[in-house]
Amino acid sequence: MIEPLLWGTCLGTGLWAFAVWLVPPKPSLREVLATLSAPPSPTSSTGSVWRVEHAIARVASSFRRPTARVRADLNVIGSDVEQHLASKAVGGLSGAALACCVSLSLAFSGMGSPWVTSAVAIAGLTALGFLLPDLKLREAAQRRRSAFRHALGAYLNLVRILLAGGAGVDSALSDAGDVGTGWAFHQLRQALVAAQVMRTTPWEALERLGEDLALPQLADLAAAVGLAGTDGAKIRSSLASKAAALRTRELTDSEGEARAATERMSLPLVLLMLGFLVFIGYPALISVLNGL
C-alpha cells in the first residue's frame, strides 16, 4: 500500500502545481493598481537567458510569429517578443513533461494506457501549454486597454476644459497630460515629448501611439485634433462626445462582465444538483437492473 500511496501523492502534488501555474491566484487590489500604474521596466540585453530568448525569437520569426495583434498586446503590457516566445516554449515543454510523467506513473503502477492515448495526451498538454501565454497576454492587454480608455476619457475632459480656457491645441494636450498619473498618462506624455523631440505634430504622435497599442480611440482623437490644428475647427463638442462615448462603453463592458460573473456562479449549483440526482437515482437504477 505504501508504493501506490507515494505514487498518488507525487501525482497529486504535480497536478496541483500544474493547476496553480495554469490558473494562478488573483493578486490583491494594491498589486493590480501598482502594476497598472508602473511604467514598463527596461529589459536586460545580457546573460544566457537573454541569448536563449533571442534564439527562440529568431527561430519563431522565420515562421512569421508573433502576429501584429500579439505585438500590440506586448506593447500594451510592456513586455518584449523574446520573453513571450520563451514563455510559450517553456509552457509547451512543461505540458509535454507533465503528460510524460503521468504516463510513466501509470505504467509503473501497473495501470498503463495505450500508446495512442499517451500520444494524444502529450500533444494536447503541449498545445495547451504553448497557447496558454497567448491567452494570458490577451487578458492582461484587455485589462490595460480598458484602463487606458478610462484614463483617456478623463484626458479628453481635461483637454476640453483647457481649450475652453483659451489654451492652444498643443499646450492643451501637453498640460492635460501633465495633470494625470498612471500608466496611461505616462504613455501620453511620452508620445507628446517624442513629438517635440522629433519636431512632429502631437496628433501624429497620438496616431502612432494608437497604432502601437491597437487603440482606435487614439486614432480618432488624433484625427479630431489634427483637424483643429490644421483647419482651425472647433473640437470642444467633439471631445465631449468622445469622452461620453468612452464612458458609455466602459459602463456597458462592466455590466456585461457582471452578468457573465453571475452566470458563472450558477454553474456550480447546477453541477451540485446533477451530482445529487445521480447519488439519489443510482441505487434505484441498480436495484431495477438487478431485478431484471
C-alpha atoms as a PDB file:
ATOM      1  CA  MET A   1       0.000   0.000   0.000  1.00  0.00           C
ATOM      2  CA  ILE A   2       2.933   2.360   0.572  1.00  0.00           C
ATOM      3  CA  GLU A   3       4.110   2.440  -3.041  1.00  0.00           C
ATOM      4  CA  PRO A   4       0.686   3.325  -4.528  1.00  0.00           C
ATOM      5  CA  LEU A   5       0.271   5.999  -1.860  1.00  0.00           C
ATOM      6  CA  LEU A   6       3.631   7.530  -2.738  1.00  0.00           C
ATOM      7  CA  TRP A   7       2.834   7.463  -6.457  1.00  0.00           C
ATOM      8  CA  GLY A   8      -0.558   9.012  -5.786  1.00  0.00           C
ATOM      9  CA  THR A   9       0.971  11.708  -3.574  1.00  0.00           C
ATOM     10  CA  CYS A  10       3.573  12.631  -6.200  1.00  0.00           C
ATOM     11  CA  LEU A  11       0.988  12.663  -8.962  1.00  0.00           C
ATOM     12  CA  GLY A  12      -1.436  14.758  -6.919  1.00  0.00           C
ATOM     13  CA  THR A  13       1.310  17.230  -5.995  1.00  0.00           C
ATOM     14  CA  GLY A  14       2.330  17.567  -9.635  1.00  0.00           C
ATOM     15  CA  LEU A  15      -1.246  18.097 -10.786  1.00  0.00           C
ATOM     16  CA  TRP A  16      -1.817  20.665  -8.032  1.00  0.00           C
ATOM     17  CA  ALA A  17       1.347  22.561  -9.014  1.00  0.00           C
ATOM     18  CA  PHE A  18       0.302  22.497 -12.676  1.00  0.00           C
ATOM     19  CA  ALA A  19      -3.176  23.758 -11.751  1.00  0.00           C
ATOM     20  CA  VAL A  20      -1.685  26.629  -9.717  1.00  0.00           C
ATOM     21  CA  TRP A  21       0.593  27.508 -12.643  1.00  0.00           C
ATOM     22  CA  LEU A  22      -2.298  27.218 -15.088  1.00  0.00           C
ATOM     23  CA  VAL A  23      -4.728  29.337 -13.024  1.00  0.00           C
ATOM     24  CA  PRO A  24      -2.632  31.457 -10.636  1.00  0.00           C
ATOM     25  CA  PRO A  25      -4.307  33.088  -7.628  1.00  0.00           C
ATOM     26  CA  LYS A  26      -5.673  36.557  -8.195  1.00  0.00           C
ATOM     27  CA  PRO A  27      -3.443  39.369  -6.903  1.00  0.00           C
ATOM     28  CA  SER A  28      -4.658  41.940  -4.418  1.00  0.00           C
ATOM     29  CA  LEU A  29      -6.138  45.272  -5.490  1.00  0.00           C
ATOM     30  CA  ARG A  30      -2.993  47.108  -4.422  1.00  0.00           C
ATOM     31  CA  GLU A  31      -0.797  44.870  -6.591  1.00  0.00           C
ATOM     32  CA  VAL A  32      -3.098  45.323  -9.599  1.00  0.00           C
ATOM     33  CA  LEU A  33      -3.099  49.125  -9.236  1.00  0.00           C
ATOM     34  CA  ALA A  34       0.674  49.158  -8.820  1.00  0.00           C
ATOM     35  CA  THR A  35       1.076  47.045 -11.955  1.00  0.00           C
ATOM     36  CA  LEU A  36      -1.221  49.295 -13.987  1.00  0.00           C
ATOM     37  CA  SER A  37       0.425  52.487 -12.726  1.00  0.00           C
ATOM     38  CA  ALA A  38       4.046  51.368 -13.075  1.00  0.00           C
ATOM     39  CA  PRO A  39       5.861  52.256 -16.310  1.00  0.00           C
ATOM     40  CA  PRO A  40       7.313  49.391 -18.340  1.00  0.00           C
ATOM     41  CA  SER A  41      10.579  48.176 -16.895  1.00  0.00           C
ATOM     42  CA  PRO A  42      13.589  48.114 -19.215  1.00  0.00           C
ATOM     43  CA  THR A  43      14.653  44.685 -20.355  1.00  0.00           C
ATOM     44  CA  SER A  44      18.158  43.383 -19.913  1.00  0.00           C
ATOM     45  CA  SER A  45      20.132  42.538 -23.031  1.00  0.00           C
ATOM     46  CA  THR A  46      22.844  40.437 -21.393  1.00  0.00           C
ATOM     47  CA  GLY A  47      23.089  36.993 -19.933  1.00  0.00           C
ATOM     48  CA  SER A  48      22.354  33.462 -21.020  1.00  0.00           C
ATOM     49  CA  VAL A  49      18.610  33.885 -20.514  1.00  0.00           C
ATOM     50  CA  TRP A  50      18.518  36.748 -22.988  1.00  0.00           C
ATOM     51  CA  ARG A  51      20.527  34.717 -25.519  1.00  0.00           C
ATOM     52  CA  VAL A  52      18.099  31.809 -25.251  1.00  0.00           C
ATOM     53  CA  GLU A  53      15.100  34.141 -25.631  1.00  0.00           C
ATOM     54  CA  HIS A  54      16.731  35.845 -28.616  1.00  0.00           C
ATOM     55  CA  ALA A  55      17.441  32.487 -30.267  1.00  0.00           C
ATOM     56  CA  ILE A  56      13.828  31.377 -29.792  1.00  0.00           C
ATOM     57  CA  ALA A  57      12.587  34.673 -31.221  1.00  0.00           C
ATOM     58  CA  ARG A  58      14.849  34.329 -34.244  1.00  0.00           C
ATOM     59  CA  VAL A  59      13.541  30.822 -34.941  1.00  0.00           C
ATOM     60  CA  ALA A  60       9.926  31.903 -34.455  1.00  0.00           C
ATOM     61  CA  SER A  61      10.355  34.929 -36.705  1.00  0.00           C
ATOM     62  CA  SER A  62      11.079  32.573 -39.601  1.00  0.00           C
ATOM     63  CA  PHE A  63       7.514  31.272 -39.196  1.00  0.00           C
ATOM     64  CA  ARG A  64       6.135  34.845 -39.086  1.00  0.00           C
ATOM     65  CA  ARG A  65       5.401  34.660 -35.405  1.00  0.00           C
ATOM     66  CA  PRO A  66       4.144  36.508 -33.474  1.00  0.00           C
ATOM     67  CA  THR A  67       1.365  38.316 -35.299  1.00  0.00           C
ATOM     68  CA  ALA A  68       0.779  42.060 -35.297  1.00  0.00           C
ATOM     69  CA  ARG A  69      -2.018  41.650 -32.745  1.00  0.00           C
ATOM     70  CA  VAL A  70       0.299  39.842 -30.342  1.00  0.00           C
ATOM     71  CA  ARG A  71       2.957  42.517 -30.808  1.00  0.00           C
ATOM     72  CA  ALA A  72       0.384  45.198 -29.967  1.00  0.00           C
ATOM     73  CA  ASP A  73      -0.604  43.283 -26.828  1.00  0.00           C
ATOM     74  CA  LEU A  74       3.055  43.037 -25.849  1.00  0.00           C
ATOM     75  CA  ASN A  75       3.439  46.800 -26.296  1.00  0.00           C
ATOM     76  CA  VAL A  76       0.428  47.357 -24.055  1.00  0.00           C
ATOM     77  CA  ILE A  77       1.721  45.293 -21.135  1.00  0.00           C
ATOM     78  CA  GLY A  78       5.318  46.444 -21.602  1.00  0.00           C
ATOM     79  CA  SER A  79       6.847  43.071 -22.490  1.00  0.00           C
ATOM     80  CA  ASP A  80       9.042  42.023 -25.383  1.00  0.00           C
ATOM     81  CA  VAL A  81       8.780  39.355 -28.041  1.00  0.00           C
ATOM     82  CA  GLU A  82      11.688  37.266 -26.746  1.00  0.00           C
ATOM     83  CA  GLN A  83      10.189  36.782 -23.292  1.00  0.00           C
ATOM     84  CA  HIS A  84       6.790  35.910 -24.715  1.00  0.00           C
ATOM     85  CA  LEU A  85       8.150  33.326 -27.130  1.00  0.00           C
ATOM     86  CA  ALA A  86      10.355  31.858 -24.405  1.00  0.00           C
ATOM     87  CA  SER A  87       7.332  31.516 -22.109  1.00  0.00           C
ATOM     88  CA  LYS A  88       5.432  29.739 -24.901  1.00  0.00           C
ATOM     89  CA  ALA A  89       8.317  27.317 -25.405  1.00  0.00           C
ATOM     90  CA  VAL A  90       8.597  26.658 -21.661  1.00  0.00           C
ATOM     91  CA  GLY A  91       4.833  26.154 -21.434  1.00  0.00           C
ATOM     92  CA  GLY A  92       4.814  23.624 -24.243  1.00  0.00           C
ATOM     93  CA  LEU A  93       7.735  21.698 -22.777  1.00  0.00           C
ATOM     94  CA  SER A  94       6.131  21.743 -19.324  1.00  0.00           C
ATOM     95  CA  GLY A  95       2.890  20.322 -20.714  1.00  0.00           C
ATOM     96  CA  ALA A  96       4.747  17.564 -22.543  1.00  0.00           C
ATOM     97  CA  ALA A  97       6.803  16.755 -19.422  1.00  0.00           C
ATOM     98  CA  LEU A  98       3.669  16.568 -17.272  1.00  0.00           C
ATOM     99  CA  ALA A  99       1.964  14.203 -19.719  1.00  0.00           C
ATOM    100  CA  CYS A 100       5.076  12.006 -19.849  1.00  0.00           C
ATOM    101  CA  CYS A 101       5.282  11.876 -16.051  1.00  0.00           C
ATOM    102  CA  VAL A 102       1.616  10.868 -15.777  1.00  0.00           C
ATOM    103  CA  SER A 103       2.072   8.136 -18.403  1.00  0.00           C
ATOM    104  CA  LEU A 104       5.179   6.794 -16.681  1.00  0.00           C
ATOM    105  CA  SER A 105       3.433   6.855 -13.312  1.00  0.00           C
ATOM    106  CA  LEU A 106       0.536   4.836 -14.683  1.00  0.00           C
ATOM    107  CA  ALA A 107       2.943   2.401 -16.346  1.00  0.00           C
ATOM    108  CA  PHE A 108       4.952   1.828 -13.166  1.00  0.00           C
ATOM    109  CA  SER A 109       1.795   1.377 -11.099  1.00  0.00           C
ATOM    110  CA  GLY A 110       0.515  -1.343 -13.459  1.00  0.00           C
ATOM    111  CA  MET A 111      -2.277   0.739 -14.988  1.00  0.00           C
ATOM    112  CA  GLY A 112      -0.561   1.511 -18.265  1.00  0.00           C
ATOM    113  CA  SER A 113      -2.556   3.203 -21.018  1.00  0.00           C
ATOM    114  CA  PRO A 114      -2.278   2.535 -24.783  1.00  0.00           C
ATOM    115  CA  TRP A 115       0.406   4.471 -26.623  1.00  0.00           C
ATOM    116  CA  VAL A 116      -2.225   6.267 -28.710  1.00  0.00           C
ATOM    117  CA  THR A 117      -3.837   7.677 -25.567  1.00  0.00           C
ATOM    118  CA  SER A 118      -0.446   8.741 -24.228  1.00  0.00           C
ATOM    119  CA  ALA A 119       0.462  10.418 -27.527  1.00  0.00           C
ATOM    120  CA  VAL A 120      -2.827  12.299 -27.631  1.00  0.00           C
ATOM    121  CA  ALA A 121      -2.389  13.414 -24.006  1.00  0.00           C
ATOM    122  CA  ILE A 122       1.167  14.616 -24.686  1.00  0.00           C
ATOM    123  CA  ALA A 123       0.079  16.505 -27.805  1.00  0.00           C
ATOM    124  CA  GLY A 124      -2.908  18.056 -26.018  1.00  0.00           C
ATOM    125  CA  LEU A 125      -0.967  19.253 -22.964  1.00  0.00           C
ATOM    126  CA  THR A 126       1.844  20.529 -25.176  1.00  0.00           C
ATOM    127  CA  ALA A 127      -0.609  22.579 -27.230  1.00  0.00           C
ATOM    128  CA  LEU A 128      -2.292  23.842 -24.059  1.00  0.00           C
ATOM    129  CA  GLY A 129       0.995  24.926 -22.520  1.00  0.00           C
ATOM    130  CA  PHE A 130       2.045  26.555 -25.792  1.00  0.00           C
ATOM    131  CA  LEU A 131      -1.183  28.560 -26.191  1.00  0.00           C
ATOM    132  CA  LEU A 132      -1.656  29.493 -22.543  1.00  0.00           C
ATOM    133  CA  PRO A 133       0.755  32.502 -22.649  1.00  0.00           C
ATOM    134  CA  ASP A 134      -1.230  33.936 -25.561  1.00  0.00           C
ATOM    135  CA  LEU A 135      -4.452  33.693 -23.571  1.00  0.00           C
ATOM    136  CA  LYS A 136      -2.858  35.312 -20.522  1.00  0.00           C
ATOM    137  CA  LEU A 137      -1.357  38.037 -22.697  1.00  0.00           C
ATOM    138  CA  ARG A 138      -4.698  38.807 -24.319  1.00  0.00           C
ATOM    139  CA  GLU A 139      -6.463  39.006 -20.957  1.00  0.00           C
ATOM    140  CA  ALA A 140      -3.807  41.302 -19.474  1.00  0.00           C
ATOM    141  CA  ALA A 141      -3.835  43.517 -22.576  1.00  0.00           C
ATOM    142  CA  GLN A 142      -7.616  43.802 -22.445  1.00  0.00           C
ATOM    143  CA  ARG A 143      -7.459  44.951 -18.831  1.00  0.00           C
ATOM    144  CA  ARG A 144      -4.829  47.551 -19.646  1.00  0.00           C
ATOM    145  CA  ARG A 145      -6.720  48.800 -22.693  1.00  0.00           C
ATOM    146  CA  SER A 146      -9.834  49.164 -20.568  1.00  0.00           C
ATOM    147  CA  ALA A 147      -7.860  51.194 -18.023  1.00  0.00           C
ATOM    148  CA  PHE A 148      -6.381  53.278 -20.850  1.00  0.00           C
ATOM    149  CA  ARG A 149      -9.830  54.042 -22.265  1.00  0.00           C
ATOM    150  CA  HIS A 150     -10.994  55.111 -18.820  1.00  0.00           C
ATOM    151  CA  ALA A 151      -7.997  57.431 -18.440  1.00  0.00           C
ATOM    152  CA  LEU A 152      -8.449  58.697 -21.993  1.00  0.00           C
ATOM    153  CA  GLY A 153     -11.973  59.854 -21.145  1.00  0.00           C
ATOM    154  CA  ALA A 154     -10.582  61.931 -18.263  1.00  0.00           C
ATOM    155  CA  TYR A 155      -7.817  63.221 -20.547  1.00  0.00           C
ATOM    156  CA  LEU A 156     -10.342  64.374 -23.139  1.00  0.00           C
ATOM    157  CA  ASN A 157     -12.301  66.262 -20.494  1.00  0.00           C
ATOM    158  CA  LEU A 158      -9.114  67.978 -19.300  1.00  0.00           C
ATOM    159  CA  VAL A 159      -8.207  68.972 -22.870  1.00  0.00           C
ATOM    160  CA  ARG A 160     -11.711  70.321 -23.417  1.00  0.00           C
ATOM    161  CA  ILE A 161     -11.523  72.416 -20.236  1.00  0.00           C
ATOM    162  CA  LEU A 162      -8.142  73.858 -21.214  1.00  0.00           C
ATOM    163  CA  LEU A 163      -9.399  74.691 -24.704  1.00  0.00           C
ATOM    164  CA  ALA A 164     -12.395  76.437 -23.180  1.00  0.00           C
ATOM    165  CA  GLY A 165      -9.981  78.472 -21.041  1.00  0.00           C
ATOM    166  CA  GLY A 166      -8.230  79.830 -24.119  1.00  0.00           C
ATOM    167  CA  ALA A 167      -5.278  77.470 -24.420  1.00  0.00           C
ATOM    168  CA  GLY A 168      -3.962  76.346 -27.759  1.00  0.00           C
ATOM    169  CA  VAL A 169      -4.250  72.834 -29.065  1.00  0.00           C
ATOM    170  CA  ASP A 170      -0.614  71.895 -28.440  1.00  0.00           C
ATOM    171  CA  SER A 171      -0.454  73.409 -24.966  1.00  0.00           C
ATOM    172  CA  ALA A 172      -3.811  71.889 -24.003  1.00  0.00           C
ATOM    173  CA  LEU A 173      -2.627  68.419 -24.981  1.00  0.00           C
ATOM    174  CA  SER A 174       0.665  68.692 -23.071  1.00  0.00           C
ATOM    175  CA  ASP A 175      -0.803  70.381 -19.975  1.00  0.00           C
ATOM    176  CA  ALA A 176      -3.592  67.799 -19.716  1.00  0.00           C
ATOM    177  CA  GLY A 177      -1.033  65.017 -19.900  1.00  0.00           C
ATOM    178  CA  ASP A 178       1.000  66.559 -17.055  1.00  0.00           C
ATOM    179  CA  VAL A 179      -2.006  66.591 -14.718  1.00  0.00           C
ATOM    180  CA  GLY A 180      -2.800  62.877 -14.604  1.00  0.00           C
ATOM    181  CA  THR A 181      -0.827  59.983 -13.167  1.00  0.00           C
ATOM    182  CA  GLY A 182      -0.649  56.307 -14.016  1.00  0.00           C
ATOM    183  CA  TRP A 183       0.406  54.190 -16.947  1.00  0.00           C
ATOM    184  CA  ALA A 184      -1.989  55.727 -19.495  1.00  0.00           C
ATOM    185  CA  PHE A 185      -0.941  59.315 -18.818  1.00  0.00           C
ATOM    186  CA  HIS A 186       2.697  58.177 -18.818  1.00  0.00           C
ATOM    187  CA  GLN A 187       2.241  56.812 -22.346  1.00  0.00           C
ATOM    188  CA  LEU A 188       0.532  60.028 -23.461  1.00  0.00           C
ATOM    189  CA  ARG A 189       3.298  62.184 -22.014  1.00  0.00           C
ATOM    190  CA  GLN A 190       5.977  60.054 -23.661  1.00  0.00           C
ATOM    191  CA  ALA A 191       4.250  60.345 -27.031  1.00  0.00           C
ATOM    192  CA  LEU A 192       3.930  64.129 -26.753  1.00  0.00           C
ATOM    193  CA  VAL A 193       7.558  64.525 -25.616  1.00  0.00           C
ATOM    194  CA  ALA A 194       8.678  62.338 -28.531  1.00  0.00           C
ATOM    195  CA  ALA A 195       6.704  64.602 -30.866  1.00  0.00           C
ATOM    196  CA  GLN A 196       8.525  67.657 -29.525  1.00  0.00           C
ATOM    197  CA  VAL A 197      11.922  65.992 -29.855  1.00  0.00           C
ATOM    198  CA  MET A 198      11.247  64.737 -33.388  1.00  0.00           C
ATOM    199  CA  ARG A 199       9.601  68.066 -34.344  1.00  0.00           C
ATOM    200  CA  THR A 200       6.350  66.463 -35.434  1.00  0.00           C
ATOM    201  CA  THR A 201       2.784  67.377 -34.608  1.00  0.00           C
ATOM    202  CA  PRO A 202       1.164  65.997 -31.431  1.00  0.00           C
ATOM    203  CA  TRP A 203      -1.673  64.363 -33.358  1.00  0.00           C
ATOM    204  CA  GLU A 204       0.809  62.355 -35.416  1.00  0.00           C
ATOM    205  CA  ALA A 205       2.395  61.103 -32.179  1.00  0.00           C
ATOM    206  CA  LEU A 206      -1.020  60.174 -30.795  1.00  0.00           C
ATOM    207  CA  GLU A 207      -1.846  58.330 -34.001  1.00  0.00           C
ATOM    208  CA  ARG A 208       1.386  56.314 -33.781  1.00  0.00           C
ATOM    209  CA  LEU A 209       0.659  55.516 -30.148  1.00  0.00           C
ATOM    210  CA  GLY A 210      -2.810  54.291 -31.111  1.00  0.00           C
ATOM    211  CA  GLU A 211      -1.307  52.039 -33.785  1.00  0.00           C
ATOM    212  CA  ASP A 212       1.297  50.640 -31.380  1.00  0.00           C
ATOM    213  CA  LEU A 213      -1.289  49.876 -28.687  1.00  0.00           C
ATOM    214  CA  ALA A 214      -4.116  48.898 -31.098  1.00  0.00           C
ATOM    215  CA  LEU A 215      -6.413  51.571 -29.674  1.00  0.00           C
ATOM    216  CA  PRO A 216      -8.681  53.068 -32.349  1.00  0.00           C
ATOM    217  CA  GLN A 217      -9.877  55.721 -29.864  1.00  0.00           C
ATOM    218  CA  LEU A 218      -6.462  57.372 -30.019  1.00  0.00           C
ATOM    219  CA  ALA A 219      -6.604  57.415 -33.811  1.00  0.00           C
ATOM    220  CA  ASP A 220      -9.994  59.150 -33.642  1.00  0.00           C
ATOM    221  CA  LEU A 221      -8.611  61.671 -31.149  1.00  0.00           C
ATOM    222  CA  ALA A 222      -5.612  62.327 -33.399  1.00  0.00           C
ATOM    223  CA  ALA A 223      -7.880  62.894 -36.398  1.00  0.00           C
ATOM    224  CA  ALA A 224     -10.053  65.366 -34.469  1.00  0.00           C
ATOM    225  CA  VAL A 225      -7.085  67.242 -33.008  1.00  0.00           C
ATOM    226  CA  GLY A 226      -5.334  67.284 -36.372  1.00  0.00           C
ATOM    227  CA  LEU A 227      -8.418  68.836 -37.962  1.00  0.00           C
ATOM    228  CA  ALA A 228      -8.427  71.528 -35.305  1.00  0.00           C
ATOM    229  CA  GLY A 229      -4.693  72.151 -35.601  1.00  0.00           C
ATOM    230  CA  THR A 230      -4.610  72.449 -39.386  1.00  0.00           C
ATOM    231  CA  ASP A 231      -8.038  73.837 -40.310  1.00  0.00           C
ATOM    232  CA  GLY A 232      -8.926  75.653 -37.081  1.00  0.00           C
ATOM    233  CA  ALA A 233     -12.064  73.582 -36.458  1.00  0.00           C
ATOM    234  CA  LYS A 234     -13.777  73.736 -33.088  1.00  0.00           C
ATOM    235  CA  ILE A 235     -13.370  70.408 -31.332  1.00  0.00           C
ATOM    236  CA  ARG A 236     -14.692  71.032 -27.831  1.00  0.00           C
ATOM    237  CA  SER A 237     -18.061  69.474 -28.584  1.00  0.00           C
ATOM    238  CA  SER A 238     -16.370  66.615 -30.442  1.00  0.00           C
ATOM    239  CA  LEU A 239     -14.113  65.880 -27.451  1.00  0.00           C
ATOM    240  CA  ALA A 240     -17.090  65.972 -25.106  1.00  0.00           C
ATOM    241  CA  SER A 241     -18.980  63.453 -27.245  1.00  0.00           C
ATOM    242  CA  LYS A 242     -15.927  61.187 -27.484  1.00  0.00           C
ATOM    243  CA  ALA A 243     -15.486  61.252 -23.702  1.00  0.00           C
ATOM    244  CA  ALA A 244     -19.170  60.406 -23.210  1.00  0.00           C
ATOM    245  CA  ALA A 245     -18.893  57.548 -25.705  1.00  0.00           C
ATOM    246  CA  LEU A 246     -15.879  56.153 -23.829  1.00  0.00           C
ATOM    247  CA  ARG A 247     -17.730  56.317 -20.509  1.00  0.00           C
ATOM    248  CA  THR A 248     -20.753  54.596 -22.048  1.00  0.00           C
ATOM    249  CA  ARG A 249     -18.593  51.809 -23.469  1.00  0.00           C
ATOM    250  CA  GLU A 250     -16.828  51.240 -20.140  1.00  0.00           C
ATOM    251  CA  LEU A 251     -20.162  51.100 -18.348  1.00  0.00           C
ATOM    252  CA  THR A 252     -21.520  48.619 -20.887  1.00  0.00           C
ATOM    253  CA  ASP A 253     -18.426  46.423 -20.575  1.00  0.00           C
ATOM    254  CA  SER A 254     -18.697  46.470 -16.780  1.00  0.00           C
ATOM    255  CA  GLU A 255     -22.341  45.432 -16.924  1.00  0.00           C
ATOM    256  CA  GLY A 256     -21.500  42.621 -19.347  1.00  0.00           C
ATOM    257  CA  GLU A 257     -18.712  41.330 -17.077  1.00  0.00           C
ATOM    258  CA  ALA A 258     -21.078  41.430 -14.099  1.00  0.00           C
ATOM    259  CA  ARG A 259     -23.712  39.406 -15.983  1.00  0.00           C
ATOM    260  CA  ALA A 260     -21.093  36.876 -17.071  1.00  0.00           C
ATOM    261  CA  ALA A 261     -19.872  36.506 -13.483  1.00  0.00           C
ATOM    262  CA  THR A 262     -23.454  35.949 -12.317  1.00  0.00           C
ATOM    263  CA  GLU A 263     -23.968  33.232 -14.913  1.00  0.00           C
ATOM    264  CA  ARG A 264     -20.727  31.536 -13.903  1.00  0.00           C
ATOM    265  CA  MET A 265     -21.861  31.472 -10.282  1.00  0.00           C
ATOM    266  CA  SER A 266     -24.880  29.360 -11.247  1.00  0.00           C
ATOM    267  CA  LEU A 267     -22.729  26.629 -12.839  1.00  0.00           C
ATOM    268  CA  PRO A 268     -21.501  25.072  -9.535  1.00  0.00           C
ATOM    269  CA  LEU A 269     -25.102  24.894  -8.285  1.00  0.00           C
ATOM    270  CA  VAL A 270     -26.173  23.067 -11.445  1.00  0.00           C
ATOM    271  CA  LEU A 271     -23.308  20.585 -11.105  1.00  0.00           C
ATOM    272  CA  LEU A 272     -24.150  20.056  -7.441  1.00  0.00           C
ATOM    273  CA  MET A 273     -27.783  19.354  -8.318  1.00  0.00           C
ATOM    274  CA  LEU A 274     -26.771  16.875 -11.031  1.00  0.00           C
ATOM    275  CA  GLY A 275     -24.464  15.095  -8.605  1.00  0.00           C
ATOM    276  CA  PHE A 276     -27.267  14.903  -6.056  1.00  0.00           C
ATOM    277  CA  LEU A 277     -29.648  13.429  -8.619  1.00  0.00           C
ATOM    278  CA  VAL A 278     -27.061  10.832  -9.622  1.00  0.00           C
ATOM    279  CA  PHE A 279     -26.438   9.985  -5.968  1.00  0.00           C
ATOM    280  CA  ILE A 280     -30.171   9.503  -5.367  1.00  0.00           C
ATOM    281  CA  GLY A 281     -31.050   7.743  -8.609  1.00  0.00           C
ATOM    282  CA  TYR A 282     -28.089   5.373  -8.941  1.00  0.00           C
ATOM    283  CA  PRO A 283     -29.156   2.886  -6.184  1.00  0.00           C
ATOM    284  CA  ALA A 284     -32.688   2.725  -7.577  1.00  0.00           C
ATOM    285  CA  LEU A 285     -31.380   2.133 -11.085  1.00  0.00           C
ATOM    286  CA  ILE A 286     -29.058  -0.652  -9.888  1.00  0.00           C
ATOM    287  CA  SER A 287     -31.929  -2.287  -7.998  1.00  0.00           C
ATOM    288  CA  VAL A 288     -34.136  -2.241 -11.104  1.00  0.00           C
ATOM    289  CA  LEU A 289     -31.363  -3.694 -13.279  1.00  0.00           C
ATOM    290  CA  ASN A 290     -30.591  -6.456 -10.766  1.00  0.00           C
ATOM    291  CA  GLY A 291     -34.277  -7.340 -10.544  1.00  0.00           C
ATOM    292  CA  LEU A 292     -34.407  -7.899 -14.285  1.00  0.00           C
END
